Amino acid sequence: TEQQIAMEFVERTMQKNKDIMGVLFIMTIDSNTISAATTPFALIDEYSAIETEKEILFSMHTVFRVDDIKQSISNSRLWEVQLSLTGDNDPQLAALTNHIREETQGSTGWHRMGQLMLKVGHFNQAEELYNGLLKNASSDSDRASIYHELGRVKWQQGQYEKEITFYEKSLEIDRKTLPEDHSSLAPTYTNIGLAYNNMGDYSKALEFYDKSLKIYEKALPPNHPDLATSYNNIGLVYKNMGDYSKALEFYEKAHKIYEKALPPNHPDLATSYNNIGGVYNSMGDYSKALEFYEKAHQIYEKALPPNHPDLAISYNNIVLAVLDLVVYDIIVDSIQHEGD
């Protein structure tokens, strides 16, 4: 059978290398779920070198749903993955596709492809694509957009100085036609501030975050989430600088917006509680830190699955705050006894 042939290939490879795991994909195709106009596969046995294998060629856009993953009973190094072919009429696939389309906007399909590459972590390929688009750019606005995306590539690659260079090239073009306080400049100022923050140059980070904030305060309603993000960015810089009172001031500004703009169990609200708790922890006010960490944790428990990494981080924050509080109480108690 086809499965026996596949097993022979897998076992032969596993015998050659004892350190690898084998994966056997078992595909189920229900013709009722596939549109005849968009059938993503073809039987190619008559063109195959070995006709008896009944090979099937799948197109690049074929999408399978993962139904089950289980370890083989007969071999602990072998896993079986059950897949079922899905198509355009799958409502979950359609919703996911539409969401990705919204997140990967651009003037052309190539621009959207670049954004998709960034999203899935193919940074070198994205850079190659954008450099090709830059050579063929026909307008200044197109060049400014590409420079901005190349800046994002360099951010993902951790090359912050080059990231800033690309953002500055983008700004140089945009400033020729836009006023200094135009809303479309704010994201670039924010990204430059983030790059300087990552480099540890906090004064420069604050300079660009402040430029971005002034634009947002003019352009956005007072409870807009982007304004909260701007306050959070500034709060983080002040925390990194050790100016905890200023950090708390900006984190609390962000939190007030989140409380009005977000539902009570939104994960971003939990992150905001965590930020405030982190500042109190750095200030040595462990009881206040614990108070905010517990508020964050209550949201995470409702909003996230039980194995989500943010939930583990939340547990860790609470444990550390409790330990700090216990140690602090022991020290205070010891000092009081010495005074007696």
C-alpha atoms as a PDB file:
ATOM      1  CA  THR A   1       0.000   0.000   0.000  1.00  0.00           C
ATOM      2  CA  GLU A   2       0.961   3.690  -0.265  1.00  0.00           C
ATOM      3  CA  GLN A   3       1.371   3.865   3.525  1.00  0.00           C
ATOM      4  CA  GLN A   4       3.773   0.903   3.532  1.00  0.00           C
ATOM      5  CA  ILE A   5       5.897   2.554   0.828  1.00  0.00           C
ATOM      6  CA  ALA A   6       5.986   5.788   2.844  1.00  0.00           C
ATOM      7  CA  MET A   7       6.930   3.843   5.977  1.00  0.00           C
ATOM      8  CA  GLU A   8       9.828   2.202   4.132  1.00  0.00           C
ATOM      9  CA  PHE A   9      11.232   5.627   3.202  1.00  0.00           C
ATOM     10  CA  VAL A  10      10.867   6.915   6.783  1.00  0.00           C
ATOM     11  CA  GLU A  11      12.349   3.844   8.487  1.00  0.00           C
ATOM     12  CA  ARG A  12      15.274   3.679   6.055  1.00  0.00           C
ATOM     13  CA  THR A  13      16.215   7.278   6.871  1.00  0.00           C
ATOM     14  CA  MET A  14      15.751   6.756  10.615  1.00  0.00           C
ATOM     15  CA  GLN A  15      18.063   3.734  10.541  1.00  0.00           C
ATOM     16  CA  LYS A  16      20.813   5.821   8.943  1.00  0.00           C
ATOM     17  CA  ASN A  17      20.577   8.517  11.625  1.00  0.00           C
ATOM     18  CA  LYS A  18      19.555   7.531  15.157  1.00  0.00           C
ATOM     19  CA  ASP A  19      19.246  11.199  16.245  1.00  0.00           C
ATOM     20  CA  ILE A  20      16.337  12.173  14.000  1.00  0.00           C
ATOM     21  CA  MET A  21      12.590  11.762  14.467  1.00  0.00           C
ATOM     22  CA  GLY A  22      10.348  10.441  11.705  1.00  0.00           C
ATOM     23  CA  VAL A  23       7.062  12.072  10.713  1.00  0.00           C
ATOM     24  CA  LEU A  24       4.439  10.321   8.610  1.00  0.00           C
ATOM     25  CA  PHE A  25       1.770  12.617   7.134  1.00  0.00           C
ATOM     26  CA  ILE A  26      -1.571  10.888   6.537  1.00  0.00           C
ATOM     27  CA  MET A  27      -3.692  13.056   4.214  1.00  0.00           C
ATOM     28  CA  THR A  28      -7.459  12.792   3.879  1.00  0.00           C
ATOM     29  CA  ILE A  29      -9.122  14.408   0.860  1.00  0.00           C
ATOM     30  CA  ASP A  30     -12.894  14.881   0.882  1.00  0.00           C
ATOM     31  CA  SER A  31     -13.987  15.894  -2.613  1.00  0.00           C
ATOM     32  CA  ASN A  32     -17.171  17.445  -1.197  1.00  0.00           C
ATOM     33  CA  THR A  33     -15.157  20.185   0.529  1.00  0.00           C
ATOM     34  CA  ILE A  34     -13.202  21.213  -2.586  1.00  0.00           C
ATOM     35  CA  SER A  35     -14.337  23.493  -5.366  1.00  0.00           C
ATOM     36  CA  ALA A  36     -13.875  21.923  -8.811  1.00  0.00           C
ATOM     37  CA  ALA A  37     -12.551  25.235 -10.106  1.00  0.00           C
ATOM     38  CA  THR A  38      -9.752  25.397  -7.511  1.00  0.00           C
ATOM     39  CA  THR A  39      -8.719  21.753  -7.083  1.00  0.00           C
ATOM     40  CA  PRO A  40      -5.191  22.122  -5.619  1.00  0.00           C
ATOM     41  CA  PHE A  41      -3.782  18.740  -6.660  1.00  0.00           C
ATOM     42  CA  ALA A  42      -3.361  16.449  -9.656  1.00  0.00           C
ATOM     43  CA  LEU A  43      -2.745  12.726 -10.112  1.00  0.00           C
ATOM     44  CA  ILE A  44       0.550  12.398 -12.007  1.00  0.00           C
ATOM     45  CA  ASP A  45       1.061   8.624 -12.031  1.00  0.00           C
ATOM     46  CA  GLU A  46       1.169   8.537 -15.849  1.00  0.00           C
ATOM     47  CA  TYR A  47       3.995  11.094 -15.841  1.00  0.00           C
ATOM     48  CA  SER A  48       5.876   9.570 -12.895  1.00  0.00           C
ATOM     49  CA  ALA A  49       9.070   7.549 -13.223  1.00  0.00           C
ATOM     50  CA  ILE A  50       7.397   4.873 -11.096  1.00  0.00           C
ATOM     51  CA  GLU A  51       3.751   4.614 -12.143  1.00  0.00           C
ATOM     52  CA  THR A  52       2.832   2.137  -9.403  1.00  0.00           C
ATOM     53  CA  GLU A  53       3.503   4.729  -6.657  1.00  0.00           C
ATOM     54  CA  LYS A  54       0.449   6.742  -7.803  1.00  0.00           C
ATOM     55  CA  GLU A  55       2.088  10.059  -6.980  1.00  0.00           C
ATOM     56  CA  ILE A  56       0.029  13.199  -6.387  1.00  0.00           C
ATOM     57  CA  LEU A  57       1.292  16.737  -7.088  1.00  0.00           C
ATOM     58  CA  PHE A  58      -0.033  19.482  -4.783  1.00  0.00           C
ATOM     59  CA  SER A  59       0.022  23.147  -5.746  1.00  0.00           C
ATOM     60  CA  MET A  60       1.890  25.732  -3.652  1.00  0.00           C
ATOM     61  CA  HIS A  61      -1.317  27.210  -2.194  1.00  0.00           C
ATOM     62  CA  THR A  62      -2.652  23.921  -0.821  1.00  0.00           C
ATOM     63  CA  VAL A  63      -3.840  24.216   2.801  1.00  0.00           C
ATOM     64  CA  PHE A  64      -4.327  21.290   5.169  1.00  0.00           C
ATOM     65  CA  ARG A  65      -5.985  21.260   8.567  1.00  0.00           C
ATOM     66  CA  VAL A  66      -4.007  19.429  11.287  1.00  0.00           C
ATOM     67  CA  ASP A  67      -6.550  17.046  12.834  1.00  0.00           C
ATOM     68  CA  ASP A  68      -4.331  14.964  15.097  1.00  0.00           C
ATOM     69  CA  ILE A  69      -0.682  14.385  16.064  1.00  0.00           C
ATOM     70  CA  LYS A  70       0.247  11.186  17.871  1.00  0.00           C
ATOM     71  CA  GLN A  71       3.280   9.060  18.590  1.00  0.00           C
ATOM     72  CA  SER A  72       3.443   5.718  16.802  1.00  0.00           C
ATOM     73  CA  ILE A  73       2.692   2.727  19.028  1.00  0.00           C
ATOM     74  CA  SER A  74       5.290   0.566  17.273  1.00  0.00           C
ATOM     75  CA  ASN A  75       8.130   3.141  17.209  1.00  0.00           C
ATOM     76  CA  SER A  76       8.724   5.919  19.777  1.00  0.00           C
ATOM     77  CA  ARG A  77      10.804   7.877  17.233  1.00  0.00           C
ATOM     78  CA  LEU A  78       7.948   8.010  14.730  1.00  0.00           C
ATOM     79  CA  TRP A  79       5.053  10.469  14.788  1.00  0.00           C
ATOM     80  CA  GLU A  80       1.878  10.345  12.723  1.00  0.00           C
ATOM     81  CA  VAL A  81       0.165  13.572  11.651  1.00  0.00           C
ATOM     82  CA  GLN A  82      -3.415  13.362  10.403  1.00  0.00           C
ATOM     83  CA  LEU A  83      -4.175  16.061   7.811  1.00  0.00           C
ATOM     84  CA  SER A  84      -7.392  16.902   5.983  1.00  0.00           C
ATOM     85  CA  LEU A  85      -7.474  19.029   2.848  1.00  0.00           C
ATOM     86  CA  THR A  86      -9.408  22.253   3.203  1.00  0.00           C
ATOM     87  CA  GLY A  87     -10.520  24.786   0.620  1.00  0.00           C
ATOM     88  CA  ASP A  88     -11.889  28.268  -0.035  1.00  0.00           C
ATOM     89  CA  ASN A  89     -15.299  27.369   1.414  1.00  0.00           C
ATOM     90  CA  ASP A  90     -13.811  26.634   4.858  1.00  0.00           C
ATOM     91  CA  PRO A  91     -15.102  29.515   7.066  1.00  0.00           C
ATOM     92  CA  GLN A  92     -12.135  29.375   9.477  1.00  0.00           C
ATOM     93  CA  LEU A  93      -9.623  29.461   6.623  1.00  0.00           C
ATOM     94  CA  ALA A  94     -11.518  32.351   5.000  1.00  0.00           C
ATOM     95  CA  ALA A  95     -11.495  34.309   8.273  1.00  0.00           C
ATOM     96  CA  LEU A  96      -7.760  33.691   8.747  1.00  0.00           C
ATOM     97  CA  THR A  97      -6.999  34.660   5.142  1.00  0.00           C
ATOM     98  CA  ASN A  98      -8.987  37.892   5.439  1.00  0.00           C
ATOM     99  CA  HIS A  99      -7.214  38.745   8.705  1.00  0.00           C
ATOM    100  CA  ILE A 100      -3.781  38.204   7.109  1.00  0.00           C
ATOM    101  CA  ARG A 101      -4.828  40.369   4.142  1.00  0.00           C
ATOM    102  CA  GLU A 102      -5.744  43.192   6.516  1.00  0.00           C
ATOM    103  CA  GLU A 103      -2.403  42.907   8.321  1.00  0.00           C
ATOM    104  CA  THR A 104      -0.330  42.782   5.120  1.00  0.00           C
ATOM    105  CA  GLN A 105      -1.397  45.888   3.260  1.00  0.00           C
ATOM    106  CA  GLY A 106       0.570  47.475   0.451  1.00  0.00           C
ATOM    107  CA  SER A 107       0.305  49.219  -2.885  1.00  0.00           C
ATOM    108  CA  THR A 108       1.119  46.051  -4.847  1.00  0.00           C
ATOM    109  CA  GLY A 109       1.196  42.297  -4.335  1.00  0.00           C
ATOM    110  CA  TRP A 110       4.996  42.455  -4.018  1.00  0.00           C
ATOM    111  CA  HIS A 111       4.732  44.967  -1.163  1.00  0.00           C
ATOM    112  CA  ARG A 112       2.226  42.711   0.595  1.00  0.00           C
ATOM    113  CA  MET A 113       4.533  39.738   0.020  1.00  0.00           C
ATOM    114  CA  GLY A 114       7.343  41.642   1.750  1.00  0.00           C
ATOM    115  CA  GLN A 115       5.158  42.307   4.781  1.00  0.00           C
ATOM    116  CA  LEU A 116       4.122  38.662   4.901  1.00  0.00           C
ATOM    117  CA  MET A 117       7.803  37.595   4.800  1.00  0.00           C
ATOM    118  CA  LEU A 118       8.509  39.889   7.760  1.00  0.00           C
ATOM    119  CA  LYS A 119       5.563  38.428   9.637  1.00  0.00           C
ATOM    120  CA  VAL A 120       6.699  34.821   9.214  1.00  0.00           C
ATOM    121  CA  GLY A 121      10.344  35.618  10.002  1.00  0.00           C
ATOM    122  CA  HIS A 122      11.922  35.412   6.522  1.00  0.00           C
ATOM    123  CA  PHE A 123      13.922  38.597   7.062  1.00  0.00           C
ATOM    124  CA  ASN A 124      16.713  38.021   4.532  1.00  0.00           C
ATOM    125  CA  GLN A 125      14.230  37.221   1.768  1.00  0.00           C
ATOM    126  CA  ALA A 126      12.172  40.302   2.699  1.00  0.00           C
ATOM    127  CA  GLU A 127      15.304  42.454   2.489  1.00  0.00           C
ATOM    128  CA  GLU A 128      16.147  41.029  -0.936  1.00  0.00           C
ATOM    129  CA  LEU A 129      12.606  41.710  -2.144  1.00  0.00           C
ATOM    130  CA  TYR A 130      12.529  45.296  -0.864  1.00  0.00           C
ATOM    131  CA  ASN A 131      15.946  46.078  -2.375  1.00  0.00           C
ATOM    132  CA  GLY A 132      14.593  44.867  -5.711  1.00  0.00           C
ATOM    133  CA  LEU A 133      11.498  47.042  -5.323  1.00  0.00           C
ATOM    134  CA  LEU A 134      13.686  50.030  -4.394  1.00  0.00           C
ATOM    135  CA  LYS A 135      15.646  49.772  -7.659  1.00  0.00           C
ATOM    136  CA  ASN A 136      12.411  49.907  -9.650  1.00  0.00           C
ATOM    137  CA  ALA A 137      10.571  52.485  -7.493  1.00  0.00           C
ATOM    138  CA  SER A 138       8.944  55.117  -9.691  1.00  0.00           C
ATOM    139  CA  SER A 139       8.040  57.776  -7.108  1.00  0.00           C
ATOM    140  CA  ASP A 140       9.368  59.382  -3.939  1.00  0.00           C
ATOM    141  CA  SER A 141       6.388  58.158  -1.919  1.00  0.00           C
ATOM    142  CA  ASP A 142       7.104  54.603  -3.048  1.00  0.00           C
ATOM    143  CA  ARG A 143      10.777  54.967  -2.105  1.00  0.00           C
ATOM    144  CA  ALA A 144       9.861  56.388   1.322  1.00  0.00           C
ATOM    145  CA  SER A 145       7.581  53.417   1.984  1.00  0.00           C
ATOM    146  CA  ILE A 146      10.274  50.914   0.954  1.00  0.00           C
ATOM    147  CA  TYR A 147      12.935  52.619   3.100  1.00  0.00           C
ATOM    148  CA  HIS A 148      10.519  52.325   6.040  1.00  0.00           C
ATOM    149  CA  GLU A 149      10.051  48.593   5.423  1.00  0.00           C
ATOM    150  CA  LEU A 150      13.823  48.094   5.117  1.00  0.00           C
ATOM    151  CA  GLY A 151      14.079  49.780   8.509  1.00  0.00           C
ATOM    152  CA  ARG A 152      11.687  47.163   9.893  1.00  0.00           C
ATOM    153  CA  VAL A 153      13.850  44.427   8.370  1.00  0.00           C
ATOM    154  CA  LYS A 154      16.953  45.787  10.113  1.00  0.00           C
ATOM    155  CA  TRP A 155      15.028  46.000  13.400  1.00  0.00           C
ATOM    156  CA  GLN A 156      14.170  42.306  13.142  1.00  0.00           C
ATOM    157  CA  GLN A 157      17.806  41.530  12.319  1.00  0.00           C
ATOM    158  CA  GLY A 158      18.995  43.508  15.367  1.00  0.00           C
ATOM    159  CA  GLN A 159      20.963  45.990  13.219  1.00  0.00           C
ATOM    160  CA  TYR A 160      19.674  49.119  14.931  1.00  0.00           C
ATOM    161  CA  GLU A 161      22.055  51.699  13.443  1.00  0.00           C
ATOM    162  CA  LYS A 162      21.150  50.580   9.908  1.00  0.00           C
ATOM    163  CA  GLU A 163      17.500  50.550  10.960  1.00  0.00           C
ATOM    164  CA  ILE A 164      17.730  54.220  11.965  1.00  0.00           C
ATOM    165  CA  THR A 165      19.486  55.073   8.684  1.00  0.00           C
ATOM    166  CA  PHE A 166      16.611  53.657   6.635  1.00  0.00           C
ATOM    167  CA  TYR A 167      13.975  55.406   8.763  1.00  0.00           C
ATOM    168  CA  GLU A 168      15.821  58.709   8.365  1.00  0.00           C
ATOM    169  CA  LYS A 169      15.882  58.242   4.582  1.00  0.00           C
ATOM    170  CA  SER A 170      12.138  57.670   4.697  1.00  0.00           C
ATOM    171  CA  LEU A 171      11.628  60.792   6.833  1.00  0.00           C
ATOM    172  CA  GLU A 172      13.826  62.893   4.526  1.00  0.00           C
ATOM    173  CA  ILE A 173      11.511  62.125   1.606  1.00  0.00           C
ATOM    174  CA  ASP A 174       8.258  62.523   3.569  1.00  0.00           C
ATOM    175  CA  ARG A 175       9.275  65.882   5.050  1.00  0.00           C
ATOM    176  CA  LYS A 176       9.538  67.379   1.565  1.00  0.00           C
ATOM    177  CA  THR A 177       5.776  67.199   1.140  1.00  0.00           C
ATOM    178  CA  LEU A 178       4.394  66.820   4.674  1.00  0.00           C
ATOM    179  CA  PRO A 179       4.290  69.191   7.675  1.00  0.00           C
ATOM    180  CA  GLU A 180       6.410  68.260  10.695  1.00  0.00           C
ATOM    181  CA  ASP A 181       3.353  67.280  12.727  1.00  0.00           C
ATOM    182  CA  HIS A 182       1.688  65.105  10.081  1.00  0.00           C
ATOM    183  CA  SER A 183       0.179  61.955  11.581  1.00  0.00           C
ATOM    184  CA  SER A 184       1.897  59.625   9.084  1.00  0.00           C
ATOM    185  CA  LEU A 185       5.318  60.647  10.480  1.00  0.00           C
ATOM    186  CA  ALA A 186       4.509  59.470  14.016  1.00  0.00           C
ATOM    187  CA  PRO A 187       5.106  55.722  13.427  1.00  0.00           C
ATOM    188  CA  THR A 188       8.551  56.439  11.967  1.00  0.00           C
ATOM    189  CA  TYR A 189       9.494  58.634  14.942  1.00  0.00           C
ATOM    190  CA  THR A 190       8.276  55.842  17.238  1.00  0.00           C
ATOM    191  CA  ASN A 191      10.371  53.240  15.429  1.00  0.00           C
ATOM    192  CA  ILE A 192      13.486  55.417  15.623  1.00  0.00           C
ATOM    193  CA  GLY A 193      12.854  55.884  19.349  1.00  0.00           C
ATOM    194  CA  LEU A 194      12.542  52.122  19.758  1.00  0.00           C
ATOM    195  CA  ALA A 195      15.844  51.590  17.925  1.00  0.00           C
ATOM    196  CA  TYR A 196      17.646  54.058  20.206  1.00  0.00           C
ATOM    197  CA  ASN A 197      16.050  52.391  23.246  1.00  0.00           C
ATOM    198  CA  ASN A 198      17.338  49.010  22.064  1.00  0.00           C
ATOM    199  CA  MET A 199      20.807  50.563  21.693  1.00  0.00           C
ATOM    200  CA  GLY A 200      20.657  51.922  25.251  1.00  0.00           C
ATOM    201  CA  ASP A 201      20.673  55.565  24.102  1.00  0.00           C
ATOM    202  CA  TYR A 202      17.721  56.589  26.261  1.00  0.00           C
ATOM    203  CA  SER A 203      17.974  60.361  25.794  1.00  0.00           C
ATOM    204  CA  LYS A 204      17.711  59.964  21.994  1.00  0.00           C
ATOM    205  CA  ALA A 205      14.890  57.453  22.473  1.00  0.00           C
ATOM    206  CA  LEU A 206      12.958  59.988  24.566  1.00  0.00           C
ATOM    207  CA  GLU A 207      13.589  62.692  21.960  1.00  0.00           C
ATOM    208  CA  PHE A 208      11.913  60.696  19.190  1.00  0.00           C
ATOM    209  CA  TYR A 209       9.192  59.210  21.392  1.00  0.00           C
ATOM    210  CA  ASP A 210       8.316  62.764  22.433  1.00  0.00           C
ATOM    211  CA  LYS A 211       8.037  63.848  18.775  1.00  0.00           C
ATOM    212  CA  SER A 212       5.705  60.951  18.125  1.00  0.00           C
ATOM    213  CA  LEU A 213       3.639  61.659  21.260  1.00  0.00           C
ATOM    214  CA  LYS A 214       3.103  65.332  20.343  1.00  0.00           C
ATOM    215  CA  ILE A 215       1.732  64.275  16.953  1.00  0.00           C
ATOM    216  CA  TYR A 216      -0.543  61.643  18.455  1.00  0.00           C
ATOM    217  CA  GLU A 217      -1.866  64.050  21.089  1.00  0.00           C
ATOM    218  CA  LYS A 218      -2.926  66.437  18.295  1.00  0.00           C
ATOM    219  CA  ALA A 219      -4.186  63.856  15.813  1.00  0.00           C
ATOM    220  CA  LEU A 220      -5.895  61.239  17.981  1.00  0.00           C
ATOM    221  CA  PRO A 221      -8.816  61.239  20.427  1.00  0.00           C
ATOM    222  CA  PRO A 222      -7.685  61.135  24.076  1.00  0.00           C
ATOM    223  CA  ASN A 223      -8.599  57.460  24.557  1.00  0.00           C
ATOM    224  CA  HIS A 224      -6.980  56.073  21.397  1.00  0.00           C
ATOM    225  CA  PRO A 225      -4.893  52.871  21.932  1.00  0.00           C
ATOM    226  CA  ASP A 226      -1.974  54.311  19.876  1.00  0.00           C
ATOM    227  CA  LEU A 227      -1.715  57.118  22.414  1.00  0.00           C
ATOM    228  CA  ALA A 228      -1.535  54.521  25.192  1.00  0.00           C
ATOM    229  CA  THR A 229       1.247  52.702  23.311  1.00  0.00           C
ATOM    230  CA  SER A 230       3.152  55.983  23.066  1.00  0.00           C
ATOM    231  CA  TYR A 231       2.829  56.542  26.830  1.00  0.00           C
ATOM    232  CA  ASN A 232       3.988  52.955  27.426  1.00  0.00           C
ATOM    233  CA  ASN A 233       7.077  53.460  25.266  1.00  0.00           C
ATOM    234  CA  ILE A 234       8.086  56.543  27.224  1.00  0.00           C
ATOM    235  CA  GLY A 235       7.367  54.783  30.517  1.00  0.00           C
ATOM    236  CA  LEU A 236       9.700  51.934  29.546  1.00  0.00           C
ATOM    237  CA  VAL A 237      12.540  54.346  28.723  1.00  0.00           C
ATOM    238  CA  TYR A 238      12.188  56.085  32.087  1.00  0.00           C
ATOM    239  CA  LYS A 239      12.171  52.679  33.790  1.00  0.00           C
ATOM    240  CA  ASN A 240      15.368  51.729  31.936  1.00  0.00           C
ATOM    241  CA  MET A 241      16.894  55.023  33.094  1.00  0.00           C
ATOM    242  CA  GLY A 242      15.938  54.258  36.708  1.00  0.00           C
ATOM    243  CA  ASP A 243      13.527  57.202  36.916  1.00  0.00           C
ATOM    244  CA  TYR A 244      10.711  55.157  38.406  1.00  0.00           C
ATOM    245  CA  SER A 245       8.383  58.010  39.361  1.00  0.00           C
ATOM    246  CA  LYS A 246       8.333  59.237  35.732  1.00  0.00           C
ATOM    247  CA  ALA A 247       7.931  55.657  34.483  1.00  0.00           C
ATOM    248  CA  LEU A 248       4.937  55.201  36.791  1.00  0.00           C
ATOM    249  CA  GLU A 249       3.428  58.489  35.598  1.00  0.00           C
ATOM    250  CA  PHE A 250       3.428  57.404  31.938  1.00  0.00           C
ATOM    251  CA  TYR A 251       2.426  53.795  32.616  1.00  0.00           C
ATOM    252  CA  GLU A 252      -0.580  55.070  34.582  1.00  0.00           C
ATOM    253  CA  LYS A 253      -1.545  57.409  31.712  1.00  0.00           C
ATOM    254  CA  ALA A 254      -1.485  54.431  29.366  1.00  0.00           C
ATOM    255  CA  HIS A 255      -3.461  52.337  31.835  1.00  0.00           C
ATOM    256  CA  LYS A 256      -6.276  54.891  32.114  1.00  0.00           C
ATOM    257  CA  ILE A 257      -6.735  54.719  28.345  1.00  0.00           C
ATOM    258  CA  TYR A 258      -6.709  50.918  28.310  1.00  0.00           C
ATOM    259  CA  GLU A 259      -9.372  50.841  31.045  1.00  0.00           C
ATOM    260  CA  LYS A 260     -11.668  52.972  28.881  1.00  0.00           C
ATOM    261  CA  ALA A 261     -10.823  51.530  25.461  1.00  0.00           C
ATOM    262  CA  LEU A 262     -10.509  47.798  26.189  1.00  0.00           C
ATOM    263  CA  PRO A 263     -12.808  45.125  27.621  1.00  0.00           C
ATOM    264  CA  PRO A 264     -11.979  44.189  31.248  1.00  0.00           C
ATOM    265  CA  ASN A 265     -10.396  40.829  30.319  1.00  0.00           C
ATOM    266  CA  HIS A 266      -8.220  42.038  27.438  1.00  0.00           C
ATOM    267  CA  PRO A 267      -4.589  40.751  27.603  1.00  0.00           C
ATOM    268  CA  ASP A 268      -3.236  44.270  26.882  1.00  0.00           C
ATOM    269  CA  LEU A 269      -4.853  45.455  30.104  1.00  0.00           C
ATOM    270  CA  ALA A 270      -3.040  42.652  31.933  1.00  0.00           C
ATOM    271  CA  THR A 271       0.255  43.727  30.344  1.00  0.00           C
ATOM    272  CA  SER A 272      -0.419  47.252  31.593  1.00  0.00           C
ATOM    273  CA  TYR A 273      -0.930  45.958  35.159  1.00  0.00           C
ATOM    274  CA  ASN A 274       2.331  44.031  34.794  1.00  0.00           C
ATOM    275  CA  ASN A 275       4.193  47.166  33.671  1.00  0.00           C
ATOM    276  CA  ILE A 276       3.019  49.096  36.727  1.00  0.00           C
ATOM    277  CA  GLY A 277       3.805  46.140  38.983  1.00  0.00           C
ATOM    278  CA  GLY A 278       7.306  45.970  37.527  1.00  0.00           C
ATOM    279  CA  VAL A 279       7.974  49.610  38.405  1.00  0.00           C
ATOM    280  CA  TYR A 280       6.757  49.149  41.980  1.00  0.00           C
ATOM    281  CA  ASN A 281       8.976  46.075  42.232  1.00  0.00           C
ATOM    282  CA  SER A 282      11.992  48.098  41.050  1.00  0.00           C
ATOM    283  CA  MET A 283      11.130  50.774  43.633  1.00  0.00           C
ATOM    284  CA  GLY A 284      11.150  48.120  46.382  1.00  0.00           C
ATOM    285  CA  ASP A 285       7.417  48.460  47.069  1.00  0.00           C
ATOM    286  CA  TYR A 286       6.794  44.726  46.853  1.00  0.00           C
ATOM    287  CA  SER A 287       3.260  44.736  48.300  1.00  0.00           C
ATOM    288  CA  LYS A 288       2.103  47.173  45.566  1.00  0.00           C
ATOM    289  CA  ALA A 289       3.968  45.145  42.945  1.00  0.00           C
ATOM    290  CA  LEU A 290       2.172  42.004  44.117  1.00  0.00           C
ATOM    291  CA  GLU A 291      -1.189  43.810  43.984  1.00  0.00           C
ATOM    292  CA  PHE A 292      -0.748  44.691  40.294  1.00  0.00           C
ATOM    293  CA  TYR A 293       0.807  41.354  39.334  1.00  0.00           C
ATOM    294  CA  GLU A 294      -2.248  39.590  40.801  1.00  0.00           C
ATOM    295  CA  LYS A 295      -4.604  41.855  38.820  1.00  0.00           C
ATOM    296  CA  ALA A 296      -2.706  40.954  35.659  1.00  0.00           C
ATOM    297  CA  HIS A 297      -2.812  37.271  36.529  1.00  0.00           C
ATOM    298  CA  GLN A 298      -6.585  37.275  37.020  1.00  0.00           C
ATOM    299  CA  ILE A 299      -7.014  38.544  33.458  1.00  0.00           C
ATOM    300  CA  TYR A 300      -4.488  36.114  31.982  1.00  0.00           C
ATOM    301  CA  GLU A 301      -6.300  33.178  33.624  1.00  0.00           C
ATOM    302  CA  LYS A 302      -9.552  34.200  31.907  1.00  0.00           C
ATOM    303  CA  ALA A 303      -8.131  35.316  28.554  1.00  0.00           C
ATOM    304  CA  LEU A 304      -5.332  32.818  27.827  1.00  0.00           C
ATOM    305  CA  PRO A 305      -5.088  29.040  27.459  1.00  0.00           C
ATOM    306  CA  PRO A 306      -3.513  27.272  30.483  1.00  0.00           C
ATOM    307  CA  ASN A 307      -0.209  26.549  28.671  1.00  0.00           C
ATOM    308  CA  HIS A 308       0.340  30.088  27.328  1.00  0.00           C
ATOM    309  CA  PRO A 309       3.872  31.442  28.064  1.00  0.00           C
ATOM    310  CA  ASP A 310       2.495  34.790  29.317  1.00  0.00           C
ATOM    311  CA  LEU A 311       0.685  32.890  32.060  1.00  0.00           C
ATOM    312  CA  ALA A 312       3.971  31.272  33.121  1.00  0.00           C
ATOM    313  CA  ILE A 313       5.653  34.703  33.212  1.00  0.00           C
ATOM    314  CA  SER A 314       2.765  35.975  35.328  1.00  0.00           C
ATOM    315  CA  TYR A 315       3.200  33.139  37.846  1.00  0.00           C
ATOM    316  CA  ASN A 316       6.918  33.918  37.949  1.00  0.00           C
ATOM    317  CA  ASN A 317       6.299  37.626  38.633  1.00  0.00           C
ATOM    318  CA  ILE A 318       4.005  36.797  41.554  1.00  0.00           C
ATOM    319  CA  VAL A 319       6.411  34.252  43.058  1.00  0.00           C
ATOM    320  CA  LEU A 320       9.350  36.673  42.847  1.00  0.00           C
ATOM    321  CA  ALA A 321       7.303  39.499  44.369  1.00  0.00           C
ATOM    322  CA  VAL A 322       6.225  37.241  47.253  1.00  0.00           C
ATOM    323  CA  LEU A 323       9.836  36.156  47.842  1.00  0.00           C
ATOM    324  CA  ASP A 324      11.027  39.776  47.778  1.00  0.00           C
ATOM    325  CA  LEU A 325       8.277  40.708  50.217  1.00  0.00           C
ATOM    326  CA  VAL A 326       9.199  37.852  52.588  1.00  0.00           C
ATOM    327  CA  VAL A 327      12.907  38.732  52.463  1.00  0.00           C
ATOM    328  CA  TYR A 328      12.077  42.400  53.037  1.00  0.00           C
ATOM    329  CA  ASP A 329       9.912  41.565  56.068  1.00  0.00           C
ATOM    330  CA  ILE A 330      12.665  39.350  57.500  1.00  0.00           C
ATOM    331  CA  ILE A 331      15.212  42.155  57.106  1.00  0.00           C
ATOM    332  CA  VAL A 332      12.894  44.724  58.709  1.00  0.00           C
ATOM    333  CA  ASP A 333      12.088  42.353  61.571  1.00  0.00           C
ATOM    334  CA  SER A 334      15.800  41.659  62.098  1.00  0.00           C
ATOM    335  CA  ILE A 335      16.610  45.383  62.239  1.00  0.00           C
ATOM    336  CA  GLN A 336      13.798  45.993  64.735  1.00  0.00           C
ATOM    337  CA  HIS A 337      15.086  43.193  67.008  1.00  0.00           C
ATOM    338  CA  GLU A 338      18.604  44.654  66.865  1.00  0.00           C
ATOM    339  CA  GLY A 339      17.161  48.002  67.903  1.00  0.00           C
ATOM    340  CA  ASP A 340      15.453  46.370  70.884  1.00  0.00           C
END
